[in-house]
N, C-alpha and C. Protein backbone atom coordinates (compact mmCIF):
# COMPACT_ATOMS: atom_id res chain seq x y z
N UNK A 1 140.07 -86.09 58.90
CA UNK A 1 140.18 -84.32 58.12
C UNK A 1 139.20 -84.10 57.67
N UNK A 2 138.37 -83.01 57.96
CA UNK A 2 137.24 -82.36 57.51
C UNK A 2 137.46 -81.49 56.16
N UNK A 3 136.32 -81.79 55.42
CA UNK A 3 136.46 -80.95 54.01
C UNK A 3 136.90 -79.41 54.87
N UNK A 4 137.03 -78.45 53.72
CA UNK A 4 137.11 -77.29 53.84
C UNK A 4 136.25 -76.09 52.66
N UNK A 5 135.28 -75.38 53.53
CA UNK A 5 134.47 -74.87 52.23
C UNK A 5 134.52 -73.36 52.44
N UNK A 6 135.03 -72.44 51.29
CA UNK A 6 134.99 -70.89 51.33
C UNK A 6 133.51 -70.71 50.98
N UNK A 7 133.01 -69.84 51.95
CA UNK A 7 131.79 -69.16 51.80
C UNK A 7 132.23 -67.59 51.85
N UNK A 8 131.70 -67.04 50.23
CA UNK A 8 132.23 -66.08 50.01
C UNK A 8 130.79 -65.11 49.84
N UNK A 9 130.56 -64.43 50.54
CA UNK A 9 128.94 -63.50 50.85
C UNK A 9 129.08 -62.46 51.51
N UNK A 10 128.61 -61.09 51.06
CA UNK A 10 128.69 -59.61 51.67
C UNK A 10 128.22 -59.51 52.79
N UNK A 11 126.77 -60.21 52.58
CA UNK A 11 125.48 -60.04 53.41
C UNK A 11 126.19 -61.04 54.83
N UNK A 12 126.35 -59.87 55.92
CA UNK A 12 126.77 -60.61 57.44
C UNK A 12 125.97 -62.06 57.47
N UNK A 13 124.72 -61.76 57.56
CA UNK A 13 123.61 -62.95 58.19
C UNK A 13 123.34 -63.90 57.39
N UNK A 14 123.56 -63.81 55.99
CA UNK A 14 123.62 -64.74 55.21
C UNK A 14 124.79 -65.66 55.54
N UNK A 15 126.05 -65.27 55.53
CA UNK A 15 127.50 -65.15 56.01
C UNK A 15 127.47 -66.60 57.00
N UNK A 16 126.94 -65.54 58.10
CA UNK A 16 127.11 -66.74 59.13
C UNK A 16 125.84 -67.63 59.22
N UNK A 17 124.74 -67.48 58.71
CA UNK A 17 123.99 -68.62 58.62
C UNK A 17 124.64 -69.77 58.13
N UNK A 18 125.36 -69.36 56.80
CA UNK A 18 126.04 -70.45 56.09
C UNK A 18 127.28 -71.19 57.31
N UNK A 19 128.03 -70.29 57.61
CA UNK A 19 129.01 -70.60 58.61
C UNK A 19 128.47 -71.72 59.87
N UNK A 20 127.11 -71.39 60.43
CA UNK A 20 126.73 -72.49 61.48
C UNK A 20 126.42 -73.30 61.02
N UNK A 21 125.81 -73.27 59.89
CA UNK A 21 125.03 -74.75 59.62
C UNK A 21 126.21 -75.58 58.84
N UNK A 22 127.20 -74.96 58.15
CA UNK A 22 128.27 -75.98 57.41
C UNK A 22 128.92 -76.66 58.81
N UNK A 23 129.46 -75.36 59.25
CA UNK A 23 130.19 -76.22 60.76
C UNK A 23 129.25 -76.97 61.42
N UNK A 24 128.10 -76.91 61.38
CA UNK A 24 127.34 -77.96 62.57
C UNK A 24 127.57 -79.25 61.81
N UNK A 25 127.91 -79.15 60.58
CA UNK A 25 127.75 -80.69 59.81
C UNK A 25 129.39 -80.93 59.37
N UNK A 26 129.94 -80.61 60.31
CA UNK A 26 131.32 -81.00 60.57
C UNK A 26 131.88 -80.21 59.29
N UNK A 27 131.83 -79.64 58.86
CA UNK A 27 132.67 -78.74 57.77
C UNK A 27 133.83 -77.93 58.29
N UNK A 28 134.88 -77.64 57.84
CA UNK A 28 135.83 -76.50 58.27
C UNK A 28 135.97 -75.25 57.35
N UNK A 29 135.12 -74.26 57.95
CA UNK A 29 134.51 -72.75 56.96
C UNK A 29 135.41 -71.95 57.03
N UNK A 30 135.32 -71.80 55.85
CA UNK A 30 136.45 -70.18 56.11
C UNK A 30 135.10 -68.84 55.21
N UNK A 31 135.82 -67.85 55.64
CA UNK A 31 134.57 -66.80 55.14
C UNK A 31 135.03 -65.63 54.87
N UNK A 32 134.51 -64.93 53.34
CA UNK A 32 134.94 -63.65 52.90
C UNK A 32 133.84 -63.18 52.89
N UNK A 33 133.98 -61.71 53.27
CA UNK A 33 133.03 -60.72 52.46
C UNK A 33 132.90 -59.96 51.54
N UNK A 34 134.14 -60.05 50.45
CA UNK A 34 134.26 -60.08 49.29
C UNK A 34 135.30 -60.77 48.58
N UNK A 35 135.22 -60.18 47.34
CA UNK A 35 136.57 -61.15 46.14
C UNK A 35 138.11 -60.84 46.95
N UNK A 36 138.32 -59.68 46.93
CA UNK A 36 139.78 -59.65 47.43
C UNK A 36 140.22 -60.90 48.58
N UNK A 37 139.30 -60.78 49.49
CA UNK A 37 139.51 -61.33 50.65
C UNK A 37 139.10 -62.78 50.32
N UNK A 38 138.28 -63.41 49.04
CA UNK A 38 138.04 -64.64 49.09
C UNK A 38 139.72 -65.26 48.43
N UNK A 39 139.81 -64.34 47.55
CA UNK A 39 141.13 -64.74 46.83
C UNK A 39 142.24 -64.94 47.56
N UNK A 40 142.50 -63.89 48.42
CA UNK A 40 143.67 -64.15 49.43
C UNK A 40 143.44 -65.66 50.14
N UNK A 41 142.17 -65.88 50.87
CA UNK A 41 141.65 -67.14 51.64
C UNK A 41 141.99 -68.37 51.01
N UNK A 42 141.63 -68.31 49.56
CA UNK A 42 141.85 -69.31 48.52
C UNK A 42 143.37 -69.72 48.75
N UNK A 43 144.29 -68.91 48.20
CA UNK A 43 145.32 -68.99 48.24
C UNK A 43 146.09 -69.54 49.53
N UNK A 44 145.98 -68.94 50.47
CA UNK A 44 146.32 -69.22 51.71
C UNK A 44 146.01 -71.04 52.28
N UNK A 45 144.35 -71.28 52.20
CA UNK A 45 143.79 -72.24 52.92
C UNK A 45 143.02 -72.69 51.39
N UNK A 46 143.73 -73.54 50.45
CA UNK A 46 142.95 -74.18 49.57
C UNK A 46 141.45 -74.81 50.17
N UNK A 47 140.38 -74.14 49.42
CA UNK A 47 139.17 -75.22 50.10
C UNK A 47 138.83 -76.51 49.13
N UNK A 48 138.34 -77.21 49.39
CA UNK A 48 137.51 -78.39 48.55
C UNK A 48 136.20 -77.98 48.21
N UNK A 49 135.77 -76.87 48.52
CA UNK A 49 134.47 -76.40 47.84
C UNK A 49 134.19 -74.92 48.23
N UNK A 50 133.52 -73.99 46.79
CA UNK A 50 133.69 -72.93 47.41
C UNK A 50 131.94 -72.34 46.89
N UNK A 51 131.43 -71.61 47.94
CA UNK A 51 130.04 -71.04 47.53
C UNK A 51 130.28 -69.69 47.41
N UNK A 52 130.10 -69.24 46.18
CA UNK A 52 130.37 -67.59 45.86
C UNK A 52 129.18 -67.20 45.26
N UNK A 53 128.66 -66.07 46.06
CA UNK A 53 127.81 -64.91 45.72
C UNK A 53 128.37 -64.18 44.76
N UNK A 54 127.48 -63.91 43.57
CA UNK A 54 127.26 -63.24 42.23
C UNK A 54 127.73 -61.68 42.69
N UNK A 55 127.03 -61.12 43.73
CA UNK A 55 127.04 -59.50 43.60
C UNK A 55 127.82 -59.30 45.29
N UNK A 56 128.96 -58.93 44.59
CA UNK A 56 130.24 -58.52 46.09
C UNK A 56 131.05 -57.44 45.65
N UNK A 57 131.15 -56.78 46.65
CA UNK A 57 131.76 -55.31 46.88
C UNK A 57 133.19 -55.86 46.19
N UNK A 58 134.06 -54.87 45.97
CA UNK A 58 135.31 -54.85 45.28
C UNK A 58 135.69 -55.46 44.01
N UNK A 59 135.08 -56.65 43.80
CA UNK A 59 135.46 -57.78 43.02
C UNK A 59 133.70 -58.55 42.70
N UNK A 60 133.03 -58.69 41.65
CA UNK A 60 132.29 -59.15 41.45
C UNK A 60 132.53 -60.62 41.41
N UNK A 61 131.51 -61.53 42.12
CA UNK A 61 131.30 -63.18 41.98
C UNK A 61 132.11 -63.73 40.47
N UNK A 62 131.26 -63.08 39.57
CA UNK A 62 132.24 -63.83 37.81
C UNK A 62 133.46 -63.54 38.22
N UNK A 63 134.16 -62.48 38.56
CA UNK A 63 135.71 -62.33 38.78
C UNK A 63 136.31 -63.24 39.34
N UNK A 64 135.54 -63.42 40.44
CA UNK A 64 136.44 -64.54 41.68
C UNK A 64 136.45 -65.54 40.87
N UNK A 65 135.32 -66.12 40.58
CA UNK A 65 135.36 -67.24 39.87
C UNK A 65 136.27 -67.66 38.81
N UNK A 66 136.14 -66.38 38.13
CA UNK A 66 137.41 -66.81 36.44
C UNK A 66 138.96 -66.51 37.42
N UNK A 67 139.24 -66.20 38.15
CA UNK A 67 140.65 -65.80 38.64
C UNK A 67 140.96 -67.23 39.84
N UNK A 68 139.55 -67.76 40.53
CA UNK A 68 140.13 -69.18 41.18
C UNK A 68 140.30 -70.24 40.11
N UNK A 69 139.32 -70.30 38.97
CA UNK A 69 139.35 -71.17 37.77
C UNK A 69 140.79 -71.31 37.36
N UNK A 70 141.41 -69.96 37.22
CA UNK A 70 142.70 -69.92 36.77
C UNK A 70 143.89 -70.80 37.15
N UNK A 71 143.82 -70.49 38.41
CA UNK A 71 144.67 -71.41 39.24
C UNK A 71 144.01 -72.71 40.08
N UNK A 72 142.80 -73.19 39.84
CA UNK A 72 142.31 -74.48 40.26
C UNK A 72 141.34 -74.95 39.88
N UNK A 73 141.24 -76.21 39.80
CA UNK A 73 139.71 -76.65 39.89
C UNK A 73 138.61 -76.98 40.45
N UNK A 74 138.75 -76.21 41.97
CA UNK A 74 137.78 -76.48 42.96
C UNK A 74 136.67 -76.21 42.40
N UNK A 75 135.26 -77.13 42.94
CA UNK A 75 134.04 -76.90 42.56
C UNK A 75 133.84 -75.67 43.16
N UNK A 76 132.95 -74.85 42.35
CA UNK A 76 132.22 -73.58 42.75
C UNK A 76 130.95 -73.07 42.44
N UNK A 77 130.09 -73.42 43.73
CA UNK A 77 128.33 -73.06 43.67
C UNK A 77 128.27 -71.33 43.57
N UNK A 78 127.75 -70.98 42.75
CA UNK A 78 127.47 -69.99 42.88
C UNK A 78 125.96 -69.40 43.54
N UNK A 79 126.01 -68.48 44.19
CA UNK A 79 124.70 -68.38 45.06
C UNK A 79 124.50 -66.97 44.42
N UNK A 80 123.21 -66.62 44.19
CA UNK A 80 122.59 -65.49 43.26
C UNK A 80 121.16 -65.34 43.46
N UNK A 81 120.54 -64.26 43.96
CA UNK A 81 119.14 -64.03 43.34
C UNK A 81 118.73 -63.78 42.13
N UNK A 82 119.46 -63.67 41.39
CA UNK A 82 119.50 -63.32 39.90
C UNK A 82 118.73 -64.45 39.47
N UNK A 83 117.54 -64.04 38.27
CA UNK A 83 117.29 -65.12 37.97
C UNK A 83 117.43 -65.55 36.36
N UNK A 84 118.15 -64.50 35.53
CA UNK A 84 118.06 -64.57 34.07
C UNK A 84 118.76 -65.63 33.79
N UNK A 85 118.57 -66.29 32.59
CA UNK A 85 118.83 -67.34 31.97
C UNK A 85 120.45 -66.68 31.84
N UNK A 86 120.95 -65.30 31.03
CA UNK A 86 122.16 -64.93 30.81
C UNK A 86 122.76 -65.12 32.23
N UNK A 87 122.28 -64.62 33.41
CA UNK A 87 123.16 -64.50 34.68
C UNK A 87 123.68 -66.19 34.93
N UNK A 88 122.92 -67.18 34.76
CA UNK A 88 123.25 -68.36 34.99
C UNK A 88 124.35 -68.92 33.85
N UNK A 89 124.16 -68.56 32.41
CA UNK A 89 125.37 -68.88 31.70
C UNK A 89 126.56 -68.35 31.97
N UNK A 90 126.63 -66.89 32.34
CA UNK A 90 127.41 -65.80 32.85
C UNK A 90 128.81 -66.90 33.80
N UNK A 91 127.35 -67.41 34.59
CA UNK A 91 128.63 -68.32 35.80
C UNK A 91 129.09 -69.48 35.06
N UNK A 92 128.35 -70.35 34.19
CA UNK A 92 129.01 -71.31 33.97
C UNK A 92 130.38 -71.18 33.05
N UNK A 93 129.87 -69.73 32.32
CA UNK A 93 131.19 -69.74 31.65
C UNK A 93 132.54 -69.34 32.03
N UNK A 94 132.56 -68.83 33.59
CA UNK A 94 133.21 -68.48 34.35
C UNK A 94 133.88 -69.38 35.24
N UNK A 95 133.21 -70.53 35.35
CA UNK A 95 133.82 -71.70 35.55
C UNK A 95 133.32 -72.46 36.81
N UNK A 96 131.92 -71.81 37.15
CA UNK A 96 130.93 -72.59 38.04
C UNK A 96 130.43 -73.47 37.49
């Protein structure tokens, strides 16, 4: 049985690229374009890993991370274009 990775990315091209690449490597991939959908998918099909964009519509990645962390110890990797140390610290503080 393959591991499930939840990809949470609002940019469709990036989301599809990650889905294809991870699928090609044998992972089962669930994908969400926004925070609320990600939380729903994580509840219905608990992932083994979450790749989470920081800037999302509807609910930002930090809030998604906090909510996932409140109910799960799933590993969470943040994907972001932000470079500031404060952004990295905020992600780690949220549970990534």
